[in-house]
Amino acid sequence: MLVRIDPNSAVPLFAQIAASIRTDAAAGRLRPGERLPAARDVATSLGVNLHTVLHAYQDLRDEGLVEMRRGRGAVLTDAVTQLTSLHGDIVALAAKGRALGLTADTLAALITDAVRTEETPYAR
């Protein structure tokens, strides 16, 4: 597993680490029951603080994607299969957006707006 971060991004490092793991799970590169690398190893390889990686792992745990087990570390749960099925929908949506001439930023903005509307349906 290769965790990707951009130190120049405005997105916090822990969020980038969690997003990278989510992306790998959604793409099927990670499977339920697989162990994530030790947080210390990820921190060392990325040159970030151990607590940054632990924060990412805790966020994934709070989302139900990871189970933290003493002595075994962070293990992916069956919930990653939901991400995998969502990945196909996302790929199809991206293809449809490209066919309509939408940029990635425009498509992302449309998705963000849809999520916000769904979270607060009476705000409009």
PDB file of N, CA and C in Angstrom:
ATOM      1  N   MET A   1       0.841  -1.174   0.000  1.00  0.00           N
ATOM      2  CA  MET A   1       0.000   0.000   0.000  1.00  0.00           C
ATOM      3  C   MET A   1       0.884   1.234   0.000  1.00  0.00           C
ATOM      4  N   LEU A   2       0.563   2.163  -0.867  1.00  0.00           N
ATOM      5  CA  LEU A   2       1.318   3.401  -0.977  1.00  0.00           C
ATOM      6  C   LEU A   2       0.424   4.553  -0.544  1.00  0.00           C
ATOM      7  N   VAL A   3       0.799   5.196   0.555  1.00  0.00           N
ATOM      8  CA  VAL A   3       0.044   6.347   1.041  1.00  0.00           C
ATOM      9  C   VAL A   3       0.626   7.589   0.391  1.00  0.00           C
ATOM     10  N   ARG A   4      -0.255   8.400  -0.186  1.00  0.00           N
ATOM     11  CA  ARG A   4       0.185   9.601  -0.886  1.00  0.00           C
ATOM     12  C   ARG A   4      -0.266  10.844  -0.139  1.00  0.00           C
ATOM     13  N   ILE A   5       0.662  11.806   0.011  1.00  0.00           N
ATOM     14  CA  ILE A   5       0.321  13.097   0.601  1.00  0.00           C
ATOM     15  C   ILE A   5       0.981  14.206  -0.213  1.00  0.00           C
ATOM     16  N   ASP A   6       0.431  15.390  -0.080  1.00  0.00           N
ATOM     17  CA  ASP A   6       1.010  16.585  -0.700  1.00  0.00           C
ATOM     18  C   ASP A   6       1.267  17.581   0.424  1.00  0.00           C
ATOM     19  N   PRO A   7       2.523  17.721   0.856  1.00  0.00           N
ATOM     20  CA  PRO A   7       2.825  18.620   1.977  1.00  0.00           C
ATOM     21  C   PRO A   7       2.450  20.077   1.701  1.00  0.00           C
ATOM     22  N   ASN A   8       2.285  20.446   0.439  1.00  0.00           N
ATOM     23  CA  ASN A   8       1.934  21.824   0.088  1.00  0.00           C
ATOM     24  C   ASN A   8       0.429  22.067   0.033  1.00  0.00           C
ATOM     25  N   SER A   9      -0.351  21.021   0.188  1.00  0.00           N
ATOM     26  CA  SER A   9      -1.804  21.138   0.124  1.00  0.00           C
ATOM     27  C   SER A   9      -2.345  21.813   1.383  1.00  0.00           C
ATOM     28  N   ALA A  10      -3.475  22.488   1.222  1.00  0.00           N
ATOM     29  CA  ALA A  10      -4.154  23.097   2.369  1.00  0.00           C
ATOM     30  C   ALA A  10      -4.902  22.044   3.194  1.00  0.00           C
ATOM     31  N   VAL A  11      -5.080  20.862   2.625  1.00  0.00           N
ATOM     32  CA  VAL A  11      -5.764  19.770   3.323  1.00  0.00           C
ATOM     33  C   VAL A  11      -4.821  19.222   4.394  1.00  0.00           C
ATOM     34  N   PRO A  12      -5.301  19.074   5.626  1.00  0.00           N
ATOM     35  CA  PRO A  12      -4.434  18.557   6.693  1.00  0.00           C
ATOM     36  C   PRO A  12      -3.853  17.187   6.325  1.00  0.00           C
ATOM     37  N   LEU A  13      -2.643  16.931   6.799  1.00  0.00           N
ATOM     38  CA  LEU A  13      -1.951  15.689   6.462  1.00  0.00           C
ATOM     39  C   LEU A  13      -2.732  14.454   6.900  1.00  0.00           C
ATOM     40  N   PHE A  14      -3.337  14.486   8.098  1.00  0.00           N
ATOM     41  CA  PHE A  14      -4.087  13.317   8.558  1.00  0.00           C
ATOM     42  C   PHE A  14      -5.245  13.026   7.612  1.00  0.00           C
ATOM     43  N   ALA A  15      -5.893  14.074   7.098  1.00  0.00           N
ATOM     44  CA  ALA A  15      -7.017  13.890   6.170  1.00  0.00           C
ATOM     45  C   ALA A  15      -6.528  13.327   4.846  1.00  0.00           C
ATOM     46  N   GLN A  16      -5.348  13.754   4.401  1.00  0.00           N
ATOM     47  CA  GLN A  16      -4.780  13.217   3.162  1.00  0.00           C
ATOM     48  C   GLN A  16      -4.441  11.741   3.319  1.00  0.00           C
ATOM     49  N   ILE A  17      -3.912  11.372   4.469  1.00  0.00           N
ATOM     50  CA  ILE A  17      -3.557   9.966   4.714  1.00  0.00           C
ATOM     51  C   ILE A  17      -4.824   9.112   4.714  1.00  0.00           C
ATOM     52  N   ALA A  18      -5.846   9.565   5.427  1.00  0.00           N
ATOM     53  CA  ALA A  18      -7.113   8.823   5.469  1.00  0.00           C
ATOM     54  C   ALA A  18      -7.728   8.726   4.078  1.00  0.00           C
ATOM     55  N   ALA A  19      -7.678   9.814   3.318  1.00  0.00           N
ATOM     56  CA  ALA A  19      -8.245   9.815   1.959  1.00  0.00           C
ATOM     57  C   ALA A  19      -7.490   8.856   1.054  1.00  0.00           C
ATOM     58  N   SER A  20      -6.179   8.785   1.199  1.00  0.00           N
ATOM     59  CA  SER A  20      -5.383   7.870   0.386  1.00  0.00           C
ATOM     60  C   SER A  20      -5.762   6.417   0.672  1.00  0.00           C
ATOM     61  N   ILE A  21      -5.979   6.110   1.942  1.00  0.00           N
ATOM     62  CA  ILE A  21      -6.377   4.746   2.316  1.00  0.00           C
ATOM     63  C   ILE A  21      -7.784   4.453   1.806  1.00  0.00           C
ATOM     64  N   ARG A  22      -8.704   5.422   1.954  1.00  0.00           N
ATOM     65  CA  ARG A  22     -10.061   5.254   1.427  1.00  0.00           C
ATOM     66  C   ARG A  22     -10.033   4.999  -0.072  1.00  0.00           C
ATOM     67  N   THR A  23      -9.203   5.745  -0.785  1.00  0.00           N
ATOM     68  CA  THR A  23      -9.103   5.597  -2.238  1.00  0.00           C
ATOM     69  C   THR A  23      -8.622   4.203  -2.609  1.00  0.00           C
ATOM     70  N   ASP A  24      -7.597   3.719  -1.910  1.00  0.00           N
ATOM     71  CA  ASP A  24      -7.098   2.366  -2.179  1.00  0.00           C
ATOM     72  C   ASP A  24      -8.169   1.316  -1.882  1.00  0.00           C
ATOM     73  N   ALA A  25      -8.937   1.531  -0.816  1.00  0.00           N
ATOM     74  CA  ALA A  25     -10.006   0.584  -0.482  1.00  0.00           C
ATOM     75  C   ALA A  25     -11.106   0.625  -1.537  1.00  0.00           C
ATOM     76  N   ALA A  26     -11.484   1.825  -1.954  1.00  0.00           N
ATOM     77  CA  ALA A  26     -12.548   1.964  -2.958  1.00  0.00           C
ATOM     78  C   ALA A  26     -12.143   1.335  -4.284  1.00  0.00           C
ATOM     79  N   ALA A  27     -10.865   1.442  -4.623  1.00  0.00           N
ATOM     80  CA  ALA A  27     -10.379   0.892  -5.894  1.00  0.00           C
ATOM     81  C   ALA A  27     -10.146  -0.616  -5.807  1.00  0.00           C
ATOM     82  N   GLY A  28     -10.370  -1.204  -4.643  1.00  0.00           N
ATOM     83  CA  GLY A  28     -10.205  -2.649  -4.491  1.00  0.00           C
ATOM     84  C   GLY A  28      -8.772  -3.082  -4.229  1.00  0.00           C
ATOM     85  N   ARG A  29      -7.886  -2.124  -3.986  1.00  0.00           N
ATOM     86  CA  ARG A  29      -6.489  -2.482  -3.698  1.00  0.00           C
ATOM     87  C   ARG A  29      -6.307  -2.929  -2.259  1.00  0.00           C
ATOM     88  N   LEU A  30      -7.304  -2.670  -1.427  1.00  0.00           N
ATOM     89  CA  LEU A  30      -7.309  -3.124  -0.038  1.00  0.00           C
ATOM     90  C   LEU A  30      -8.583  -3.916   0.188  1.00  0.00           C
ATOM     91  N   ARG A  31      -8.497  -4.947   0.961  1.00  0.00           N
ATOM     92  CA  ARG A  31      -9.635  -5.845   1.174  1.00  0.00           C
ATOM     93  C   ARG A  31      -9.973  -5.957   2.664  1.00  0.00           C
ATOM     94  N   PRO A  32     -11.213  -6.310   2.968  1.00  0.00           N
ATOM     95  CA  PRO A  32     -11.584  -6.530   4.368  1.00  0.00           C
ATOM     96  C   PRO A  32     -10.657  -7.567   5.007  1.00  0.00           C
ATOM     97  N   GLY A  33     -10.284  -7.307   6.254  1.00  0.00           N
ATOM     98  CA  GLY A  33      -9.406  -8.216   6.982  1.00  0.00           C
ATOM     99  C   GLY A  33      -7.929  -7.892   6.830  1.00  0.00           C
ATOM    100  N   GLU A  34      -7.575  -7.065   5.846  1.00  0.00           N
ATOM    101  CA  GLU A  34      -6.165  -6.688   5.677  1.00  0.00           C
ATOM    102  C   GLU A  34      -5.753  -5.725   6.780  1.00  0.00           C
ATOM    103  N   ARG A  35      -4.514  -5.876   7.187  1.00  0.00           N
ATOM    104  CA  ARG A  35      -3.960  -4.952   8.174  1.00  0.00           C
ATOM    105  C   ARG A  35      -3.319  -3.772   7.470  1.00  0.00           C
ATOM    106  N   LEU A  36      -3.537  -2.595   8.022  1.00  0.00           N
ATOM    107  CA  LEU A  36      -2.831  -1.412   7.540  1.00  0.00           C
ATOM    108  C   LEU A  36      -1.417  -1.456   8.105  1.00  0.00           C
ATOM    109  N   PRO A  37      -0.489  -0.801   7.450  1.00  0.00           N
ATOM    110  CA  PRO A  37       0.870  -0.761   7.994  1.00  0.00           C
ATOM    111  C   PRO A  37       0.856  -0.106   9.372  1.00  0.00           C
ATOM    112  N   ALA A  38       1.820  -0.467  10.188  1.00  0.00           N
ATOM    113  CA  ALA A  38       1.938   0.138  11.513  1.00  0.00           C
ATOM    114  C   ALA A  38       2.035   1.653  11.357  1.00  0.00           C
ATOM    115  N   ALA A  39       1.337   2.369  12.218  1.00  0.00           N
ATOM    116  CA  ALA A  39       1.320   3.832  12.147  1.00  0.00           C
ATOM    117  C   ALA A  39       2.733   4.390  12.205  1.00  0.00           C
ATOM    118  N   ARG A  40       3.572   3.797  13.007  1.00  0.00           N
ATOM    119  CA  ARG A  40       4.961   4.255  13.129  1.00  0.00           C
ATOM    120  C   ARG A  40       5.692   4.122  11.794  1.00  0.00           C
ATOM    121  N   ASP A  41       5.452   3.028  11.081  1.00  0.00           N
ATOM    122  CA  ASP A  41       6.104   2.819   9.782  1.00  0.00           C
ATOM    123  C   ASP A  41       5.619   3.842   8.750  1.00  0.00           C
ATOM    124  N   VAL A  42       4.317   4.113   8.750  1.00  0.00           N
ATOM    125  CA  VAL A  42       3.763   5.092   7.814  1.00  0.00           C
ATOM    126  C   VAL A  42       4.329   6.473   8.127  1.00  0.00           C
ATOM    127  N   ALA A  43       4.368   6.814   9.412  1.00  0.00           N
ATOM    128  CA  ALA A  43       4.895   8.123   9.812  1.00  0.00           C
ATOM    129  C   ALA A  43       6.345   8.284   9.374  1.00  0.00           C
ATOM    130  N   THR A  44       7.133   7.250   9.573  1.00  0.00           N
ATOM    131  CA  THR A  44       8.542   7.306   9.187  1.00  0.00           C
ATOM    132  C   THR A  44       8.689   7.443   7.682  1.00  0.00           C
ATOM    133  N   SER A  45       7.926   6.656   6.927  1.00  0.00           N
ATOM    134  CA  SER A  45       8.075   6.686   5.471  1.00  0.00           C
ATOM    135  C   SER A  45       7.611   8.014   4.865  1.00  0.00           C
ATOM    136  N   LEU A  46       6.623   8.662   5.511  1.00  0.00           N
ATOM    137  CA  LEU A  46       6.110   9.930   4.995  1.00  0.00           C
ATOM    138  C   LEU A  46       6.825  11.141   5.602  1.00  0.00           C
ATOM    139  N   GLY A  47       7.568  10.898   6.671  1.00  0.00           N
ATOM    140  CA  GLY A  47       8.239  12.004   7.343  1.00  0.00           C
ATOM    141  C   GLY A  47       7.275  12.894   8.109  1.00  0.00           C
ATOM    142  N   VAL A  48       6.244  12.273   8.697  1.00  0.00           N
ATOM    143  CA  VAL A  48       5.263  13.026   9.480  1.00  0.00           C
ATOM    144  C   VAL A  48       5.253  12.498  10.905  1.00  0.00           C
ATOM    145  N   ASN A  49       4.579  13.219  11.772  1.00  0.00           N
ATOM    146  CA  ASN A  49       4.469  12.833  13.167  1.00  0.00           C
ATOM    147  C   ASN A  49       3.597  11.588  13.309  1.00  0.00           C
ATOM    148  N   LEU A  50       3.946  10.715  14.227  1.00  0.00           N
ATOM    149  CA  LEU A  50       3.182   9.498  14.498  1.00  0.00           C
ATOM    150  C   LEU A  50       1.720   9.825  14.793  1.00  0.00           C
ATOM    151  N   HIS A  51       1.476  10.902  15.542  1.00  0.00           N
ATOM    152  CA  HIS A  51       0.105  11.251  15.915  1.00  0.00           C
ATOM    153  C   HIS A  51      -0.731  11.671  14.706  1.00  0.00           C
ATOM    154  N   THR A  52      -0.081  12.158  13.668  1.00  0.00           N
ATOM    155  CA  THR A  52      -0.786  12.502  12.429  1.00  0.00           C
ATOM    156  C   THR A  52      -1.383  11.243  11.810  1.00  0.00           C
ATOM    157  N   VAL A  53      -0.598  10.184  11.748  1.00  0.00           N
ATOM    158  CA  VAL A  53      -1.064   8.910  11.184  1.00  0.00           C
ATOM    159  C   VAL A  53      -2.131   8.297  12.097  1.00  0.00           C
ATOM    160  N   LEU A  54      -1.906   8.347  13.400  1.00  0.00           N
ATOM    161  CA  LEU A  54      -2.892   7.809  14.331  1.00  0.00           C
ATOM    162  C   LEU A  54      -4.223   8.550  14.204  1.00  0.00           C
ATOM    163  N   HIS A  55      -4.171   9.860  13.969  1.00  0.00           N
ATOM    164  CA  HIS A  55      -5.393  10.643  13.763  1.00  0.00           C
ATOM    165  C   HIS A  55      -6.134  10.130  12.524  1.00  0.00           C
ATOM    166  N   ALA A  56      -5.402   9.878  11.450  1.00  0.00           N
ATOM    167  CA  ALA A  56      -6.013   9.342  10.225  1.00  0.00           C
ATOM    168  C   ALA A  56      -6.654   7.987  10.499  1.00  0.00           C
ATOM    169  N   TYR A  57      -5.926   7.107  11.173  1.00  0.00           N
ATOM    170  CA  TYR A  57      -6.449   5.782  11.488  1.00  0.00           C
ATOM    171  C   TYR A  57      -7.689   5.881  12.381  1.00  0.00           C
ATOM    172  N   GLN A  58      -7.683   6.820  13.331  1.00  0.00           N
ATOM    173  CA  GLN A  58      -8.841   6.984  14.210  1.00  0.00           C
ATOM    174  C   GLN A  58     -10.053   7.499  13.429  1.00  0.00           C
ATOM    175  N   ASP A  59      -9.825   8.391  12.478  1.00  0.00           N
ATOM    176  CA  ASP A  59     -10.935   8.857  11.637  1.00  0.00           C
ATOM    177  C   ASP A  59     -11.527   7.695  10.842  1.00  0.00           C
ATOM    178  N   LEU A  60     -10.664   6.851  10.299  1.00  0.00           N
ATOM    179  CA  LEU A  60     -11.130   5.678   9.552  1.00  0.00           C
ATOM    180  C   LEU A  60     -11.888   4.728  10.479  1.00  0.00           C
ATOM    181  N   ARG A  61     -11.426   4.618  11.715  1.00  0.00           N
ATOM    182  CA  ARG A  61     -12.132   3.787  12.699  1.00  0.00           C
ATOM    183  C   ARG A  61     -13.510   4.377  12.988  1.00  0.00           C
ATOM    184  N   ASP A  62     -13.567   5.700  13.175  1.00  0.00           N
ATOM    185  CA  ASP A  62     -14.842   6.353  13.467  1.00  0.00           C
ATOM    186  C   ASP A  62     -15.841   6.191  12.318  1.00  0.00           C
ATOM    187  N   GLU A  63     -15.333   6.058  11.083  1.00  0.00           N
ATOM    188  CA  GLU A  63     -16.181   5.843   9.910  1.00  0.00           C
ATOM    189  C   GLU A  63     -16.585   4.381   9.765  1.00  0.00           C
ATOM    190  N   GLY A  64     -16.003   3.511  10.575  1.00  0.00           N
ATOM    191  CA  GLY A  64     -16.317   2.092  10.511  1.00  0.00           C
ATOM    192  C   GLY A  64     -15.511   1.320   9.483  1.00  0.00           C
ATOM    193  N   LEU A  65     -14.513   1.960   8.888  1.00  0.00           N
ATOM    194  CA  LEU A  65     -13.705   1.300   7.863  1.00  0.00           C
ATOM    195  C   LEU A  65     -12.547   0.502   8.445  1.00  0.00           C
ATOM    196  N   VAL A  66     -12.154   0.856   9.661  1.00  0.00           N
ATOM    197  CA  VAL A  66     -11.002   0.215  10.299  1.00  0.00           C
ATOM    198  C   VAL A  66     -11.380  -0.170  11.717  1.00  0.00           C
ATOM    199  N   GLU A  67     -10.899  -1.302  12.131  1.00  0.00           N
ATOM    200  CA  GLU A  67     -11.049  -1.749  13.508  1.00  0.00           C
ATOM    201  C   GLU A  67      -9.662  -1.752  14.124  1.00  0.00           C
ATOM    202  N   MET A  68      -9.528  -1.111  15.262  1.00  0.00           N
ATOM    203  CA  MET A  68      -8.234  -1.072  15.939  1.00  0.00           C
ATOM    204  C   MET A  68      -8.188  -2.231  16.932  1.00  0.00           C
ATOM    205  N   ARG A  69      -7.181  -3.080  16.756  1.00  0.00           N
ATOM    206  CA  ARG A  69      -7.043  -4.255  17.618  1.00  0.00           C
ATOM    207  C   ARG A  69      -5.684  -4.226  18.296  1.00  0.00           C
ATOM    208  N   ARG A  70      -5.716  -4.325  19.615  1.00  0.00           N
ATOM    209  CA  ARG A  70      -4.481  -4.333  20.379  1.00  0.00           C
ATOM    210  C   ARG A  70      -3.651  -5.542  19.955  1.00  0.00           C
ATOM    211  N   GLY A  71      -2.422  -5.269  19.591  1.00  0.00           N
ATOM    212  CA  GLY A  71      -1.528  -6.346  19.175  1.00  0.00           C
ATOM    213  C   GLY A  71      -1.608  -6.675  17.688  1.00  0.00           C
ATOM    214  N   ARG A  72      -2.700  -6.288  17.025  1.00  0.00           N
ATOM    215  CA  ARG A  72      -2.843  -6.552  15.593  1.00  0.00           C
ATOM    216  C   ARG A  72      -2.821  -5.288  14.771  1.00  0.00           C
ATOM    217  N   GLY A  73      -3.044  -4.159  15.411  1.00  0.00           N
ATOM    218  CA  GLY A  73      -3.035  -2.895  14.697  1.00  0.00           C
ATOM    219  C   GLY A  73      -4.377  -2.580  14.067  1.00  0.00           C
ATOM    220  N   ALA A  74      -4.333  -1.829  12.979  1.00  0.00           N
ATOM    221  CA  ALA A  74      -5.542  -1.387  12.283  1.00  0.00           C
ATOM    222  C   ALA A  74      -5.887  -2.395  11.190  1.00  0.00           C
ATOM    223  N   VAL A  75      -7.098  -2.931  11.268  1.00  0.00           N
ATOM    224  CA  VAL A  75      -7.559  -3.948  10.328  1.00  0.00           C
ATOM    225  C   VAL A  75      -8.797  -3.425   9.614  1.00  0.00           C
ATOM    226  N   LEU A  76      -8.821  -3.588   8.297  1.00  0.00           N
ATOM    227  CA  LEU A  76      -9.961  -3.119   7.503  1.00  0.00           C
ATOM    228  C   LEU A  76     -11.187  -3.978   7.774  1.00  0.00           C
ATOM    229  N   THR A  77     -12.334  -3.325   7.877  1.00  0.00           N
ATOM    230  CA  THR A  77     -13.585  -4.020   8.151  1.00  0.00           C
ATOM    231  C   THR A  77     -14.306  -4.352   6.843  1.00  0.00           C
ATOM    232  N   ASP A  78     -15.416  -5.027   6.960  1.00  0.00           N
ATOM    233  CA  ASP A  78     -16.226  -5.356   5.790  1.00  0.00           C
ATOM    234  C   ASP A  78     -16.826  -4.120   5.131  1.00  0.00           C
ATOM    235  N   ALA A  79     -16.832  -2.995   5.844  1.00  0.00           N
ATOM    236  CA  ALA A  79     -17.399  -1.762   5.291  1.00  0.00           C
ATOM    237  C   ALA A  79     -16.640  -1.291   4.051  1.00  0.00           C
ATOM    238  N   VAL A  80     -15.412  -1.750   3.854  1.00  0.00           N
ATOM    239  CA  VAL A  80     -14.661  -1.316   2.662  1.00  0.00           C
ATOM    240  C   VAL A  80     -15.309  -1.850   1.388  1.00  0.00           C
ATOM    241  N   THR A  81     -16.096  -2.910   1.492  1.00  0.00           N
ATOM    242  CA  THR A  81     -16.775  -3.422   0.297  1.00  0.00           C
ATOM    243  C   THR A  81     -17.799  -2.413  -0.216  1.00  0.00           C
ATOM    244  N   GLN A  82     -18.377  -1.617   0.686  1.00  0.00           N
ATOM    245  CA  GLN A  82     -19.307  -0.567   0.269  1.00  0.00           C
ATOM    246  C   GLN A  82     -18.566   0.495  -0.535  1.00  0.00           C
ATOM    247  N   LEU A  83     -17.341   0.807  -0.128  1.00  0.00           N
ATOM    248  CA  LEU A  83     -16.541   1.765  -0.894  1.00  0.00           C
ATOM    249  C   LEU A  83     -16.221   1.218  -2.272  1.00  0.00           C
ATOM    250  N   THR A  84     -15.934  -0.070  -2.337  1.00  0.00           N
ATOM    251  CA  THR A  84     -15.597  -0.686  -3.612  1.00  0.00           C
ATOM    252  C   THR A  84     -16.776  -0.600  -4.575  1.00  0.00           C
ATOM    253  N   SER A  85     -17.984  -0.846  -4.068  1.00  0.00           N
ATOM    254  CA  SER A  85     -19.150  -0.762  -4.945  1.00  0.00           C
ATOM    255  C   SER A  85     -19.425   0.687  -5.349  1.00  0.00           C
ATOM    256  N   LEU A  86     -19.134   1.624  -4.472  1.00  0.00           N
ATOM    257  CA  LEU A  86     -19.306   3.043  -4.785  1.00  0.00           C
ATOM    258  C   LEU A  86     -18.303   3.496  -5.843  1.00  0.00           C
ATOM    259  N   HIS A  87     -17.139   2.884  -5.861  1.00  0.00           N
ATOM    260  CA  HIS A  87     -16.088   3.261  -6.809  1.00  0.00           C
ATOM    261  C   HIS A  87     -16.581   3.160  -8.253  1.00  0.00           C
ATOM    262  N   GLY A  88     -17.304   2.107  -8.563  1.00  0.00           N
ATOM    263  CA  GLY A  88     -17.844   1.942  -9.925  1.00  0.00           C
ATOM    264  C   GLY A  88     -18.781   3.078 -10.293  1.00  0.00           C
ATOM    265  N   ASP A  89     -19.608   3.488  -9.335  1.00  0.00           N
ATOM    266  CA  ASP A  89     -20.519   4.615  -9.583  1.00  0.00           C
ATOM    267  C   ASP A  89     -19.739   5.905  -9.819  1.00  0.00           C
ATOM    268  N   ILE A  90     -18.671   6.081  -9.068  1.00  0.00           N
ATOM    269  CA  ILE A  90     -17.862   7.292  -9.207  1.00  0.00           C
ATOM    270  C   ILE A  90     -17.172   7.324 -10.566  1.00  0.00           C
ATOM    271  N   VAL A  91     -16.642   6.186 -10.986  1.00  0.00           N
ATOM    272  CA  VAL A  91     -15.984   6.106 -12.295  1.00  0.00           C
ATOM    273  C   VAL A  91     -16.988   6.435 -13.403  1.00  0.00           C
ATOM    274  N   ALA A  92     -18.203   5.903 -13.287  1.00  0.00           N
ATOM    275  CA  ALA A  92     -19.235   6.177 -14.295  1.00  0.00           C
ATOM    276  C   ALA A  92     -19.625   7.651 -14.284  1.00  0.00           C
ATOM    277  N   LEU A  93     -19.745   8.239 -13.110  1.00  0.00           N
ATOM    278  CA  LEU A  93     -20.081   9.660 -13.011  1.00  0.00           C
ATOM    279  C   LEU A  93     -18.977  10.525 -13.614  1.00  0.00           C
ATOM    280  N   ALA A  94     -17.726  10.172 -13.347  1.00  0.00           N
ATOM    281  CA  ALA A  94     -16.605  10.927 -13.915  1.00  0.00           C
ATOM    282  C   ALA A  94     -16.623  10.854 -15.441  1.00  0.00           C
ATOM    283  N   ALA A  95     -16.908   9.667 -15.974  1.00  0.00           N
ATOM    284  CA  ALA A  95     -16.969   9.510 -17.433  1.00  0.00           C
ATOM    285  C   ALA A  95     -18.100  10.346 -18.022  1.00  0.00           C
ATOM    286  N   LYS A  96     -19.236  10.355 -17.352  1.00  0.00           N
ATOM    287  CA  LYS A  96     -20.370  11.156 -17.830  1.00  0.00           C
ATOM    288  C   LYS A  96     -20.028  12.643 -17.769  1.00  0.00           C
ATOM    289  N   GLY A  97     -19.356  13.062 -16.700  1.00  0.00           N
ATOM    290  CA  GLY A  97     -18.942  14.457 -16.570  1.00  0.00           C
ATOM    291  C   GLY A  97     -17.980  14.868 -17.676  1.00  0.00           C
ATOM    292  N   ARG A  98     -17.016  13.992 -17.990  1.00  0.00           N
ATOM    293  CA  ARG A  98     -16.071  14.271 -19.083  1.00  0.00           C
ATOM    294  C   ARG A  98     -16.812  14.378 -20.409  1.00  0.00           C
ATOM    295  N   ALA A  99     -17.770  13.487 -20.623  1.00  0.00           N
ATOM    296  CA  ALA A  99     -18.537  13.512 -21.875  1.00  0.00           C
ATOM    297  C   ALA A  99     -19.324  14.812 -22.023  1.00  0.00           C
ATOM    298  N   LEU A 100     -19.712  15.397 -20.896  1.00  0.00           N
ATOM    299  CA  LEU A 100     -20.436  16.664 -20.923  1.00  0.00           C
ATOM    300  C   LEU A 100     -19.498  17.870 -20.950  1.00  0.00           C
ATOM    301  N   GLY A 101     -18.192  17.593 -20.894  1.00  0.00           N
ATOM    302  CA  GLY A 101     -17.211  18.673 -20.933  1.00  0.00           C
ATOM    303  C   GLY A 101     -16.961  19.336 -19.590  1.00  0.00           C
ATOM    304  N   LEU A 102     -17.361  18.697 -18.505  1.00  0.00           N
ATOM    305  CA  LEU A 102     -17.142  19.272 -17.179  1.00  0.00           C
ATOM    306  C   LEU A 102     -15.709  19.047 -16.731  1.00  0.00           C
ATOM    307  N   THR A 103     -15.155  20.034 -16.053  1.00  0.00           N
ATOM    308  CA  THR A 103     -13.826  19.857 -15.464  1.00  0.00           C
ATOM    309  C   THR A 103     -13.970  19.074 -14.165  1.00  0.00           C
ATOM    310  N   ALA A 104     -12.868  18.556 -13.680  1.00  0.00           N
ATOM    311  CA  ALA A 104     -12.875  17.826 -12.411  1.00  0.00           C
ATOM    312  C   ALA A 104     -13.331  18.733 -11.276  1.00  0.00           C
ATOM    313  N   ASP A 105     -12.905  19.994 -11.302  1.00  0.00           N
ATOM    314  CA  ASP A 105     -13.305  20.937 -10.255  1.00  0.00           C
ATOM    315  C   ASP A 105     -14.800  21.194 -10.276  1.00  0.00           C
ATOM    316  N   THR A 106     -15.371  21.325 -11.463  1.00  0.00           N
ATOM    317  CA  THR A 106     -16.809  21.559 -11.580  1.00  0.00           C
ATOM    318  C   THR A 106     -17.584  20.350 -11.079  1.00  0.00           C
ATOM    319  N   LEU A 107     -17.157  19.168 -11.475  1.00  0.00           N
ATOM    320  CA  LEU A 107     -17.824  17.949 -11.031  1.00  0.00           C
ATOM    321  C   LEU A 107     -17.720  17.807  -9.513  1.00  0.00           C
ATOM    322  N   ALA A 108     -16.541  18.085  -8.969  1.00  0.00           N
ATOM    323  CA  ALA A 108     -16.362  18.020  -7.514  1.00  0.00           C
ATOM    324  C   ALA A 108     -17.277  19.022  -6.812  1.00  0.00           C
ATOM    325  N   ALA A 109     -17.410  20.223  -7.374  1.00  0.00           N
ATOM    326  CA  ALA A 109     -18.285  21.231  -6.781  1.00  0.00           C
ATOM    327  C   ALA A 109     -19.743  20.780  -6.812  1.00  0.00           C
ATOM    328  N   LEU A 110     -20.150  20.153  -7.899  1.00  0.00           N
ATOM    329  CA  LEU A 110     -21.520  19.636  -7.997  1.00  0.00           C
ATOM    330  C   LEU A 110     -21.774  18.552  -6.953  1.00  0.00           C
ATOM    331  N   ILE A 111     -20.809  17.695  -6.768  1.00  0.00           N
ATOM    332  CA  ILE A 111     -20.945  16.626  -5.773  1.00  0.00           C
ATOM    333  C   ILE A 111     -20.991  17.221  -4.372  1.00  0.00           C
ATOM    334  N   THR A 112     -20.095  18.157  -4.099  1.00  0.00           N
ATOM    335  CA  THR A 112     -20.075  18.807  -2.784  1.00  0.00           C
ATOM    336  C   THR A 112     -21.404  19.481  -2.505  1.00  0.00           C
ATOM    337  N   ASP A 113     -21.950  20.165  -3.480  1.00  0.00           N
ATOM    338  CA  ASP A 113     -23.244  20.833  -3.318  1.00  0.00           C
ATOM    339  C   ASP A 113     -24.347  19.804  -3.046  1.00  0.00           C
ATOM    340  N   ALA A 114     -24.303  18.700  -3.765  1.00  0.00           N
ATOM    341  CA  ALA A 114     -25.317  17.658  -3.563  1.00  0.00           C
ATOM    342  C   ALA A 114     -25.224  17.066  -2.162  1.00  0.00           C
ATOM    343  N   VAL A 115     -24.017  16.856  -1.685  1.00  0.00           N
ATOM    344  CA  VAL A 115     -23.832  16.301  -0.339  1.00  0.00           C
ATOM    345  C   VAL A 115     -24.316  17.297   0.703  1.00  0.00           C
ATOM    346  N   ARG A 116     -23.960  18.553   0.530  1.00  0.00           N
ATOM    347  CA  ARG A 116     -24.408  19.578   1.490  1.00  0.00           C
ATOM    348  C   ARG A 116     -25.920  19.702   1.490  1.00  0.00           C
ATOM    349  N   THR A 117     -26.543  19.648   0.329  1.00  0.00           N
ATOM    350  CA  THR A 117     -27.992  19.736   0.233  1.00  0.00           C
ATOM    351  C   THR A 117     -28.632  18.550   0.927  1.00  0.00           C
ATOM    352  N   GLU A 118     -28.039  17.387   0.756  1.00  0.00           N
ATOM    353  CA  GLU A 118     -28.550  16.165   1.387  1.00  0.00           C
ATOM    354  C   GLU A 118     -28.409  16.235   2.903  1.00  0.00           C
ATOM    355  N   GLU A 119     -27.320  16.843   3.379  1.00  0.00           N
ATOM    356  CA  GLU A 119     -27.084  16.952   4.828  1.00  0.00           C
ATOM    357  C   GLU A 119     -28.033  17.941   5.476  1.00  0.00           C
ATOM    358  N   THR A 120     -28.392  19.006   4.758  1.00  0.00           N
ATOM    359  CA  THR A 120     -29.279  20.036   5.282  1.00  0.00           C
ATOM    360  C   THR A 120     -30.399  20.310   4.284  1.00  0.00           C
ATOM    361  N   PRO A 121     -31.353  19.382   4.140  1.00  0.00           N
ATOM    362  CA  PRO A 121     -32.374  19.521   3.093  1.00  0.00           C
ATOM    363  C   PRO A 121     -33.271  20.746   3.258  1.00  0.00           C
ATOM    364  N   TYR A 122     -33.365  21.301   4.456  1.00  0.00           N
ATOM    365  CA  TYR A 122     -34.272  22.439   4.653  1.00  0.00           C
ATOM    366  C   TYR A 122     -33.547  23.773   4.590  1.00  0.00           C
ATOM    367  N   ALA A 123     -32.261  23.747   4.225  1.00  0.00           N
ATOM    368  CA  ALA A 123     -31.474  24.975   4.182  1.00  0.00           C
ATOM    369  C   ALA A 123     -31.810  25.816   2.961  1.00  0.00           C
ATOM    370  N   ARG A 124     -32.422  25.239   1.956  1.00  0.00           N
ATOM    371  CA  ARG A 124     -32.709  25.980   0.721  1.00  0.00           C
ATOM    372  C   ARG A 124     -34.027  26.646   0.760  1.00  0.00           C
TER     373      ARG A 124
END
